[in-house]
Amino acid sequence: FTRSGIGRPSGRLAVGGGTYGTGWSTA
């Protein structure tokens, strides 16, 4: 089940990285 909208409008931003040339980002 995917996330649902609830409450006041809000946002989230995450950026990261690691070994083996790994990188990720989520908005």
mmCIF file of all heavy atoms, coordinates in Angstrom:
data_MODEL
# 
_entry.id   MODEL 
# 
loop_
_atom_site.group_PDB 
_atom_site.id 
_atom_site.type_symbol 
_atom_site.label_atom_id 
_atom_site.label_alt_id 
_atom_site.label_comp_id 
_atom_site.label_asym_id 
_atom_site.label_entity_id 
_atom_site.label_seq_id 
_atom_site.pdbx_PDB_ins_code 
_atom_site.Cartn_x 
_atom_site.Cartn_y 
_atom_site.Cartn_z 
_atom_site.occupancy 
_atom_site.B_iso_or_equiv 
_atom_site.pdbx_formal_charge 
_atom_site.auth_seq_id 
_atom_site.auth_comp_id 
_atom_site.auth_asym_id 
_atom_site.auth_atom_id 
_atom_site.pdbx_PDB_model_num 
ATOM 1   N N   . PHE A 1 1  ? 0.852  -1.181 0.000  1.00 0.00 ? 1  PHE A N   1 
ATOM 2   C CA  . PHE A 1 1  ? 0.000  0.000  0.000  1.00 0.00 ? 1  PHE A CA  1 
ATOM 3   C C   . PHE A 1 1  ? 0.892  1.236  0.000  1.00 0.00 ? 1  PHE A C   1 
ATOM 4   O O   . PHE A 1 1  ? 1.779  1.375  0.847  1.00 0.00 ? 1  PHE A O   1 
ATOM 5   C CB  . PHE A 1 1  ? -0.910 0.018  1.230  1.00 0.00 ? 1  PHE A CB  1 
ATOM 6   C CG  . PHE A 1 1  ? -1.933 -1.078 1.258  1.00 0.00 ? 1  PHE A CG  1 
ATOM 7   C CD1 . PHE A 1 1  ? -1.643 -2.304 1.852  1.00 0.00 ? 1  PHE A CD1 1 
ATOM 8   C CD2 . PHE A 1 1  ? -3.173 -0.905 0.675  1.00 0.00 ? 1  PHE A CD2 1 
ATOM 9   C CE1 . PHE A 1 1  ? -2.576 -3.311 1.880  1.00 0.00 ? 1  PHE A CE1 1 
ATOM 10  C CE2 . PHE A 1 1  ? -4.116 -1.921 0.693  1.00 0.00 ? 1  PHE A CE2 1 
ATOM 11  C CZ  . PHE A 1 1  ? -3.823 -3.130 1.297  1.00 0.00 ? 1  PHE A CZ  1 
ATOM 12  N N   . THR A 1 2  ? 0.665  2.136  -0.945 1.00 0.00 ? 2  THR A N   1 
ATOM 13  C CA  . THR A 1 2  ? 1.470  3.339  -1.030 1.00 0.00 ? 2  THR A CA  1 
ATOM 14  C C   . THR A 1 2  ? 0.958  4.396  -0.060 1.00 0.00 ? 2  THR A C   1 
ATOM 15  O O   . THR A 1 2  ? -0.156 4.323  0.440  1.00 0.00 ? 2  THR A O   1 
ATOM 16  C CB  . THR A 1 2  ? 1.468  3.904  -2.459 1.00 0.00 ? 2  THR A CB  1 
ATOM 17  O OG1 . THR A 1 2  ? 0.115  4.173  -2.862 1.00 0.00 ? 2  THR A OG1 1 
ATOM 18  C CG2 . THR A 1 2  ? 2.078  2.901  -3.424 1.00 0.00 ? 2  THR A CG2 1 
ATOM 19  N N   . ARG A 1 3  ? 1.813  5.392  0.182  1.00 0.00 ? 3  ARG A N   1 
ATOM 20  C CA  . ARG A 1 3  ? 1.492  6.427  1.151  1.00 0.00 ? 3  ARG A CA  1 
ATOM 21  C C   . ARG A 1 3  ? 0.319  7.276  0.670  1.00 0.00 ? 3  ARG A C   1 
ATOM 22  O O   . ARG A 1 3  ? 0.114  7.454  -0.537 1.00 0.00 ? 3  ARG A O   1 
ATOM 23  C CB  . ARG A 1 3  ? 2.714  7.313  1.393  1.00 0.00 ? 3  ARG A CB  1 
ATOM 24  C CG  . ARG A 1 3  ? 3.821  6.566  2.118  1.00 0.00 ? 3  ARG A CG  1 
ATOM 25  C CD  . ARG A 1 3  ? 5.156  7.256  1.981  1.00 0.00 ? 3  ARG A CD  1 
ATOM 26  N NE  . ARG A 1 3  ? 5.195  8.573  2.613  1.00 0.00 ? 3  ARG A NE  1 
ATOM 27  C CZ  . ARG A 1 3  ? 5.452  8.777  3.904  1.00 0.00 ? 3  ARG A CZ  1 
ATOM 28  N NH1 . ARG A 1 3  ? 5.664  7.747  4.702  1.00 0.00 ? 3  ARG A NH1 1 
ATOM 29  N NH2 . ARG A 1 3  ? 5.509  9.999  4.395  1.00 0.00 ? 3  ARG A NH2 1 
ATOM 30  N N   . SER A 1 4  ? -0.447 7.794  1.623  1.00 0.00 ? 4  SER A N   1 
ATOM 31  C CA  . SER A 1 4  ? -1.633 8.585  1.304  1.00 0.00 ? 4  SER A CA  1 
ATOM 32  C C   . SER A 1 4  ? -1.479 9.991  1.864  1.00 0.00 ? 4  SER A C   1 
ATOM 33  O O   . SER A 1 4  ? -0.689 10.236 2.780  1.00 0.00 ? 4  SER A O   1 
ATOM 34  C CB  . SER A 1 4  ? -2.891 7.918  1.883  1.00 0.00 ? 4  SER A CB  1 
ATOM 35  O OG  . SER A 1 4  ? -2.770 7.759  3.283  1.00 0.00 ? 4  SER A OG  1 
ATOM 36  N N   . GLY A 1 5  ? -2.235 10.923 1.297  1.00 0.00 ? 5  GLY A N   1 
ATOM 37  C CA  . GLY A 1 5  ? -2.214 12.288 1.777  1.00 0.00 ? 5  GLY A CA  1 
ATOM 38  C C   . GLY A 1 5  ? -3.065 12.438 3.030  1.00 0.00 ? 5  GLY A C   1 
ATOM 39  O O   . GLY A 1 5  ? -4.181 11.932 3.097  1.00 0.00 ? 5  GLY A O   1 
ATOM 40  N N   . ILE A 1 6  ? -2.534 13.126 4.030  1.00 0.00 ? 6  ILE A N   1 
ATOM 41  C CA  . ILE A 1 6  ? -3.260 13.319 5.270  1.00 0.00 ? 6  ILE A CA  1 
ATOM 42  C C   . ILE A 1 6  ? -2.706 14.559 5.974  1.00 0.00 ? 6  ILE A C   1 
ATOM 43  O O   . ILE A 1 6  ? -1.512 14.848 5.909  1.00 0.00 ? 6  ILE A O   1 
ATOM 44  C CB  . ILE A 1 6  ? -3.141 12.075 6.189  1.00 0.00 ? 6  ILE A CB  1 
ATOM 45  C CG1 . ILE A 1 6  ? -4.048 12.213 7.411  1.00 0.00 ? 6  ILE A CG1 1 
ATOM 46  C CG2 . ILE A 1 6  ? -1.712 11.835 6.600  1.00 0.00 ? 6  ILE A CG2 1 
ATOM 47  C CD1 . ILE A 1 6  ? -4.121 10.940 8.243  1.00 0.00 ? 6  ILE A CD1 1 
ATOM 48  N N   . GLY A 1 7  ? -3.609 15.304 6.599  1.00 0.00 ? 7  GLY A N   1 
ATOM 49  C CA  . GLY A 1 7  ? -3.187 16.454 7.376  1.00 0.00 ? 7  GLY A CA  1 
ATOM 50  C C   . GLY A 1 7  ? -2.832 17.656 6.515  1.00 0.00 ? 7  GLY A C   1 
ATOM 51  O O   . GLY A 1 7  ? -3.148 17.742 5.322  1.00 0.00 ? 7  GLY A O   1 
ATOM 52  N N   . ARG A 1 8  ? -2.152 18.607 7.118  1.00 0.00 ? 8  ARG A N   1 
ATOM 53  C CA  . ARG A 1 8  ? -1.754 19.818 6.422  1.00 0.00 ? 8  ARG A CA  1 
ATOM 54  C C   . ARG A 1 8  ? -0.718 19.499 5.350  1.00 0.00 ? 8  ARG A C   1 
ATOM 55  O O   . ARG A 1 8  ? 0.080  18.567 5.492  1.00 0.00 ? 8  ARG A O   1 
ATOM 56  C CB  . ARG A 1 8  ? -1.176 20.820 7.414  1.00 0.00 ? 8  ARG A CB  1 
ATOM 57  C CG  . ARG A 1 8  ? -2.159 21.256 8.493  1.00 0.00 ? 8  ARG A CG  1 
ATOM 58  C CD  . ARG A 1 8  ? -1.483 22.160 9.497  1.00 0.00 ? 8  ARG A CD  1 
ATOM 59  N NE  . ARG A 1 8  ? -0.911 23.347 8.851  1.00 0.00 ? 8  ARG A NE  1 
ATOM 60  C CZ  . ARG A 1 8  ? -0.216 24.269 9.493  1.00 0.00 ? 8  ARG A CZ  1 
ATOM 61  N NH1 . ARG A 1 8  ? 0.033  24.126 10.793 1.00 0.00 ? 8  ARG A NH1 1 
ATOM 62  N NH2 . ARG A 1 8  ? 0.259  25.331 8.842  1.00 0.00 ? 8  ARG A NH2 1 
ATOM 63  N N   . PRO A 1 9  ? -0.706 20.264 4.245  1.00 0.00 ? 9  PRO A N   1 
ATOM 64  C CA  . PRO A 1 9  ? 0.290  20.024 3.196  1.00 0.00 ? 9  PRO A CA  1 
ATOM 65  C C   . PRO A 1 9  ? 1.708  20.068 3.760  1.00 0.00 ? 9  PRO A C   1 
ATOM 66  O O   . PRO A 1 9  ? 2.063  20.961 4.534  1.00 0.00 ? 9  PRO A O   1 
ATOM 67  C CB  . PRO A 1 9  ? 0.041  21.167 2.211  1.00 0.00 ? 9  PRO A CB  1 
ATOM 68  C CG  . PRO A 1 9  ? -1.402 21.533 2.413  1.00 0.00 ? 9  PRO A CG  1 
ATOM 69  C CD  . PRO A 1 9  ? -1.657 21.337 3.881  1.00 0.00 ? 9  PRO A CD  1 
ATOM 70  N N   . SER A 1 10 ? 2.501  19.089 3.379  1.00 0.00 ? 10 SER A N   1 
ATOM 71  C CA  . SER A 1 10 ? 3.869  18.990 3.873  1.00 0.00 ? 10 SER A CA  1 
ATOM 72  C C   . SER A 1 10 ? 4.735  18.364 2.797  1.00 0.00 ? 10 SER A C   1 
ATOM 73  O O   . SER A 1 10 ? 4.237  17.761 1.840  1.00 0.00 ? 10 SER A O   1 
ATOM 74  C CB  . SER A 1 10 ? 3.933  18.159 5.161  1.00 0.00 ? 10 SER A CB  1 
ATOM 75  O OG  . SER A 1 10 ? 3.484  16.833 4.925  1.00 0.00 ? 10 SER A OG  1 
ATOM 76  N N   . GLY A 1 11 ? 6.038  18.494 2.970  1.00 0.00 ? 11 GLY A N   1 
ATOM 77  C CA  . GLY A 1 11 ? 6.981  17.934 2.009  1.00 0.00 ? 11 GLY A CA  1 
ATOM 78  C C   . GLY A 1 11 ? 8.141  17.266 2.708  1.00 0.00 ? 11 GLY A C   1 
ATOM 79  O O   . GLY A 1 11 ? 8.401  17.488 3.888  1.00 0.00 ? 11 GLY A O   1 
ATOM 80  N N   . ARG A 1 12 ? 8.847  16.432 1.963  1.00 0.00 ? 12 ARG A N   1 
ATOM 81  C CA  . ARG A 1 12 ? 9.997  15.712 2.508  1.00 0.00 ? 12 ARG A CA  1 
ATOM 82  C C   . ARG A 1 12 ? 11.041 15.562 1.413  1.00 0.00 ? 12 ARG A C   1 
ATOM 83  O O   . ARG A 1 12 ? 10.713 15.221 0.272  1.00 0.00 ? 12 ARG A O   1 
ATOM 84  C CB  . ARG A 1 12 ? 9.571  14.342 3.025  1.00 0.00 ? 12 ARG A CB  1 
ATOM 85  C CG  . ARG A 1 12 ? 10.706 13.487 3.603  1.00 0.00 ? 12 ARG A CG  1 
ATOM 86  C CD  . ARG A 1 12 ? 10.133 12.217 4.234  1.00 0.00 ? 12 ARG A CD  1 
ATOM 87  N NE  . ARG A 1 12 ? 9.501  11.375 3.238  1.00 0.00 ? 12 ARG A NE  1 
ATOM 88  C CZ  . ARG A 1 12 ? 10.091 10.337 2.656  1.00 0.00 ? 12 ARG A CZ  1 
ATOM 89  N NH1 . ARG A 1 12 ? 11.339 10.026 2.981  1.00 0.00 ? 12 ARG A NH1 1 
ATOM 90  N NH2 . ARG A 1 12 ? 9.452  9.601  1.784  1.00 0.00 ? 12 ARG A NH2 1 
ATOM 91  N N   . LEU A 1 13 ? 12.294 15.811 1.752  1.00 0.00 ? 13 LEU A N   1 
ATOM 92  C CA  . LEU A 1 13 ? 13.391 15.666 0.805  1.00 0.00 ? 13 LEU A CA  1 
ATOM 93  C C   . LEU A 1 13 ? 14.524 14.934 1.494  1.00 0.00 ? 13 LEU A C   1 
ATOM 94  O O   . LEU A 1 13 ? 14.936 15.307 2.596  1.00 0.00 ? 13 LEU A O   1 
ATOM 95  C CB  . LEU A 1 13 ? 13.868 17.031 0.318  1.00 0.00 ? 13 LEU A CB  1 
ATOM 96  C CG  . LEU A 1 13 ? 15.063 17.036 -0.648 1.00 0.00 ? 13 LEU A CG  1 
ATOM 97  C CD1 . LEU A 1 13 ? 14.691 16.333 -1.952 1.00 0.00 ? 13 LEU A CD1 1 
ATOM 98  C CD2 . LEU A 1 13 ? 15.536 18.451 -0.911 1.00 0.00 ? 13 LEU A CD2 1 
ATOM 99  N N   . ALA A 1 14 ? 15.019 13.873 0.861  1.00 0.00 ? 14 ALA A N   1 
ATOM 100 C CA  . ALA A 1 14 ? 16.106 13.085 1.433  1.00 0.00 ? 14 ALA A CA  1 
ATOM 101 C C   . ALA A 1 14 ? 17.134 12.800 0.353  1.00 0.00 ? 14 ALA A C   1 
ATOM 102 O O   . ALA A 1 14 ? 16.782 12.446 -0.777 1.00 0.00 ? 14 ALA A O   1 
ATOM 103 C CB  . ALA A 1 14 ? 15.584 11.779 2.016  1.00 0.00 ? 14 ALA A CB  1 
ATOM 104 N N   . VAL A 1 15 ? 18.405 12.970 0.685  1.00 0.00 ? 15 VAL A N   1 
ATOM 105 C CA  . VAL A 1 15 ? 19.512 12.718 -0.233 1.00 0.00 ? 15 VAL A CA  1 
ATOM 106 C C   . VAL A 1 15 ? 20.589 11.972 0.532  1.00 0.00 ? 15 VAL A C   1 
ATOM 107 O O   . VAL A 1 15 ? 20.866 12.286 1.700  1.00 0.00 ? 15 VAL A O   1 
ATOM 108 C CB  . VAL A 1 15 ? 20.081 14.027 -0.812 1.00 0.00 ? 15 VAL A CB  1 
ATOM 109 C CG1 . VAL A 1 15 ? 21.233 13.733 -1.758 1.00 0.00 ? 15 VAL A CG1 1 
ATOM 110 C CG2 . VAL A 1 15 ? 19.001 14.815 -1.522 1.00 0.00 ? 15 VAL A CG2 1 
ATOM 111 N N   . GLY A 1 16 ? 21.193 10.961 -0.094 1.00 0.00 ? 16 GLY A N   1 
ATOM 112 C CA  . GLY A 1 16 ? 22.232 10.212 0.595  1.00 0.00 ? 16 GLY A CA  1 
ATOM 113 C C   . GLY A 1 16 ? 23.120 9.461  -0.364 1.00 0.00 ? 16 GLY A C   1 
ATOM 114 O O   . GLY A 1 16 ? 22.901 9.453  -1.585 1.00 0.00 ? 16 GLY A O   1 
ATOM 115 N N   . GLY A 1 17 ? 24.132 8.829  0.185  1.00 0.00 ? 17 GLY A N   1 
ATOM 116 C CA  . GLY A 1 17 ? 25.052 8.047  -0.618 1.00 0.00 ? 17 GLY A CA  1 
ATOM 117 C C   . GLY A 1 17 ? 25.823 7.084  0.256  1.00 0.00 ? 17 GLY A C   1 
ATOM 118 O O   . GLY A 1 17 ? 25.736 7.130  1.490  1.00 0.00 ? 17 GLY A O   1 
ATOM 119 N N   . GLY A 1 18 ? 26.570 6.189  -0.395 1.00 0.00 ? 18 GLY A N   1 
ATOM 120 C CA  . GLY A 1 18 ? 27.322 5.196  0.356  1.00 0.00 ? 18 GLY A CA  1 
ATOM 121 C C   . GLY A 1 18 ? 28.345 4.498  -0.509 1.00 0.00 ? 18 GLY A C   1 
ATOM 122 O O   . GLY A 1 18 ? 28.756 5.008  -1.566 1.00 0.00 ? 18 GLY A O   1 
ATOM 123 N N   . THR A 1 19 ? 28.742 3.316  -0.072 1.00 0.00 ? 19 THR A N   1 
ATOM 124 C CA  . THR A 1 19 ? 29.764 2.558  -0.779 1.00 0.00 ? 19 THR A CA  1 
ATOM 125 C C   . THR A 1 19 ? 29.246 2.041  -2.114 1.00 0.00 ? 19 THR A C   1 
ATOM 126 O O   . THR A 1 19 ? 28.055 2.103  -2.408 1.00 0.00 ? 19 THR A O   1 
ATOM 127 C CB  . THR A 1 19 ? 30.220 1.369  0.085  1.00 0.00 ? 19 THR A CB  1 
ATOM 128 O OG1 . THR A 1 19 ? 29.075 0.589  0.443  1.00 0.00 ? 19 THR A OG1 1 
ATOM 129 C CG2 . THR A 1 19 ? 30.905 1.854  1.354  1.00 0.00 ? 19 THR A CG2 1 
ATOM 130 N N   . TYR A 1 20 ? 30.160 1.519  -2.926 1.00 0.00 ? 20 TYR A N   1 
ATOM 131 C CA  . TYR A 1 20 ? 29.866 1.006  -4.268 1.00 0.00 ? 20 TYR A CA  1 
ATOM 132 C C   . TYR A 1 20 ? 29.264 2.083  -5.166 1.00 0.00 ? 20 TYR A C   1 
ATOM 133 O O   . TYR A 1 20 ? 28.471 1.791  -6.070 1.00 0.00 ? 20 TYR A O   1 
ATOM 134 C CB  . TYR A 1 20 ? 28.926 -0.199 -4.209 1.00 0.00 ? 20 TYR A CB  1 
ATOM 135 C CG  . TYR A 1 20 ? 29.433 -1.332 -3.369 1.00 0.00 ? 20 TYR A CG  1 
ATOM 136 C CD1 . TYR A 1 20 ? 28.777 -1.676 -2.183 1.00 0.00 ? 20 TYR A CD1 1 
ATOM 137 C CD2 . TYR A 1 20 ? 30.564 -2.049 -3.724 1.00 0.00 ? 20 TYR A CD2 1 
ATOM 138 C CE1 . TYR A 1 20 ? 29.232 -2.710 -1.380 1.00 0.00 ? 20 TYR A CE1 1 
ATOM 139 C CE2 . TYR A 1 20 ? 31.035 -3.086 -2.934 1.00 0.00 ? 20 TYR A CE2 1 
ATOM 140 C CZ  . TYR A 1 20 ? 30.362 -3.401 -1.763 1.00 0.00 ? 20 TYR A CZ  1 
ATOM 141 O OH  . TYR A 1 20 ? 30.821 -4.421 -0.973 1.00 0.00 ? 20 TYR A OH  1 
ATOM 142 N N   . GLY A 1 21 ? 29.617 3.344  -4.910 1.00 0.00 ? 21 GLY A N   1 
ATOM 143 C CA  . GLY A 1 21 ? 29.100 4.425  -5.736 1.00 0.00 ? 21 GLY A CA  1 
ATOM 144 C C   . GLY A 1 21 ? 27.599 4.598  -5.628 1.00 0.00 ? 21 GLY A C   1 
ATOM 145 O O   . GLY A 1 21 ? 26.946 5.054  -6.582 1.00 0.00 ? 21 GLY A O   1 
ATOM 146 N N   . THR A 1 22 ? 27.035 4.270  -4.484 1.00 0.00 ? 22 THR A N   1 
ATOM 147 C CA  . THR A 1 22 ? 25.592 4.315  -4.290 1.00 0.00 ? 22 THR A CA  1 
ATOM 148 C C   . THR A 1 22 ? 25.126 5.728  -3.957 1.00 0.00 ? 22 THR A C   1 
ATOM 149 O O   . THR A 1 22 ? 25.752 6.432  -3.156 1.00 0.00 ? 22 THR A O   1 
ATOM 150 C CB  . THR A 1 22 ? 25.176 3.367  -3.158 1.00 0.00 ? 22 THR A CB  1 
ATOM 151 O OG1 . THR A 1 22 ? 25.597 2.040  -3.482 1.00 0.00 ? 22 THR A OG1 1 
ATOM 152 C CG2 . THR A 1 22 ? 23.667 3.376  -2.973 1.00 0.00 ? 22 THR A CG2 1 
ATOM 153 N N   . GLY A 1 23 ? 24.036 6.133  -4.567 1.00 0.00 ? 23 GLY A N   1 
ATOM 154 C CA  . GLY A 1 23 ? 23.422 7.415  -4.261 1.00 0.00 ? 23 GLY A CA  1 
ATOM 155 C C   . GLY A 1 23 ? 21.919 7.314  -4.393 1.00 0.00 ? 23 GLY A C   1 
ATOM 156 O O   . GLY A 1 23 ? 21.404 6.537  -5.203 1.00 0.00 ? 23 GLY A O   1 
ATOM 157 N N   . TRP A 1 24 ? 21.205 8.072  -3.586 1.00 0.00 ? 24 TRP A N   1 
ATOM 158 C CA  . TRP A 1 24 ? 19.750 8.055  -3.650 1.00 0.00 ? 24 TRP A CA  1 
ATOM 159 C C   . TRP A 1 24 ? 19.178 9.420  -3.281 1.00 0.00 ? 24 TRP A C   1 
ATOM 160 O O   . TRP A 1 24 ? 19.796 10.211 -2.568 1.00 0.00 ? 24 TRP A O   1 
ATOM 161 C CB  . TRP A 1 24 ? 19.170 6.970  -2.737 1.00 0.00 ? 24 TRP A CB  1 
ATOM 162 C CG  . TRP A 1 24 ? 19.366 7.234  -1.262 1.00 0.00 ? 24 TRP A CG  1 
ATOM 163 C CD1 . TRP A 1 24 ? 18.572 7.953  -0.421 1.00 0.00 ? 24 TRP A CD1 1 
ATOM 164 C CD2 . TRP A 1 24 ? 20.452 6.754  -0.471 1.00 0.00 ? 24 TRP A CD2 1 
ATOM 165 N NE1 . TRP A 1 24 ? 19.086 7.959  0.848  1.00 0.00 ? 24 TRP A NE1 1 
ATOM 166 C CE2 . TRP A 1 24 ? 20.237 7.232  0.851  1.00 0.00 ? 24 TRP A CE2 1 
ATOM 167 C CE3 . TRP A 1 24 ? 21.583 5.975  -0.749 1.00 0.00 ? 24 TRP A CE3 1 
ATOM 168 C CZ2 . TRP A 1 24 ? 21.125 6.950  1.884  1.00 0.00 ? 24 TRP A CZ2 1 
ATOM 169 C CZ3 . TRP A 1 24 ? 22.461 5.697  0.285  1.00 0.00 ? 24 TRP A CZ3 1 
ATOM 170 C CH2 . TRP A 1 24 ? 22.226 6.172  1.586  1.00 0.00 ? 24 TRP A CH2 1 
ATOM 171 N N   . SER A 1 25 ? 17.991 9.686  -3.785 1.00 0.00 ? 25 SER A N   1 
ATOM 172 C CA  . SER A 1 25 ? 17.295 10.930 -3.470 1.00 0.00 ? 25 SER A CA  1 
ATOM 173 C C   . SER A 1 25 ? 15.795 10.670 -3.550 1.00 0.00 ? 25 SER A C   1 
ATOM 174 O O   . SER A 1 25 ? 15.327 9.884  -4.385 1.00 0.00 ? 25 SER A O   1 
ATOM 175 C CB  . SER A 1 25 ? 17.693 12.043 -4.441 1.00 0.00 ? 25 SER A CB  1 
ATOM 176 O OG  . SER A 1 25 ? 17.415 11.664 -5.774 1.00 0.00 ? 25 SER A OG  1 
ATOM 177 N N   . THR A 1 26 ? 15.033 11.309 -2.678 1.00 0.00 ? 26 THR A N   1 
ATOM 178 C CA  . THR A 1 26 ? 13.588 11.164 -2.620 1.00 0.00 ? 26 THR A CA  1 
ATOM 179 C C   . THR A 1 26 ? 12.953 12.519 -2.331 1.00 0.00 ? 26 THR A C   1 
ATOM 180 O O   . THR A 1 26 ? 13.431 13.258 -1.459 1.00 0.00 ? 26 THR A O   1 
ATOM 181 C CB  . THR A 1 26 ? 13.159 10.168 -1.523 1.00 0.00 ? 26 THR A CB  1 
ATOM 182 O OG1 . THR A 1 26 ? 13.752 8.895  -1.771 1.00 0.00 ? 26 THR A OG1 1 
ATOM 183 C CG2 . THR A 1 26 ? 11.650 10.009 -1.488 1.00 0.00 ? 26 THR A CG2 1 
ATOM 184 N N   . ALA A 1 27 ? 11.898 12.849 -3.065 1.00 0.00 ? 27 ALA A N   1 
ATOM 185 C CA  . ALA A 1 27 ? 11.126 14.062 -2.824 1.00 0.00 ? 27 ALA A CA  1 
ATOM 186 C C   . ALA A 1 27 ? 9.654  13.680 -2.740 1.00 0.00 ? 27 ALA A C   1 
ATOM 187 O O   . ALA A 1 27 ? 9.165  12.883 -3.558 1.00 0.00 ? 27 ALA A O   1 
ATOM 188 C CB  . ALA A 1 27 ? 11.353 15.084 -3.930 1.00 0.00 ? 27 ALA A CB  1 
# 
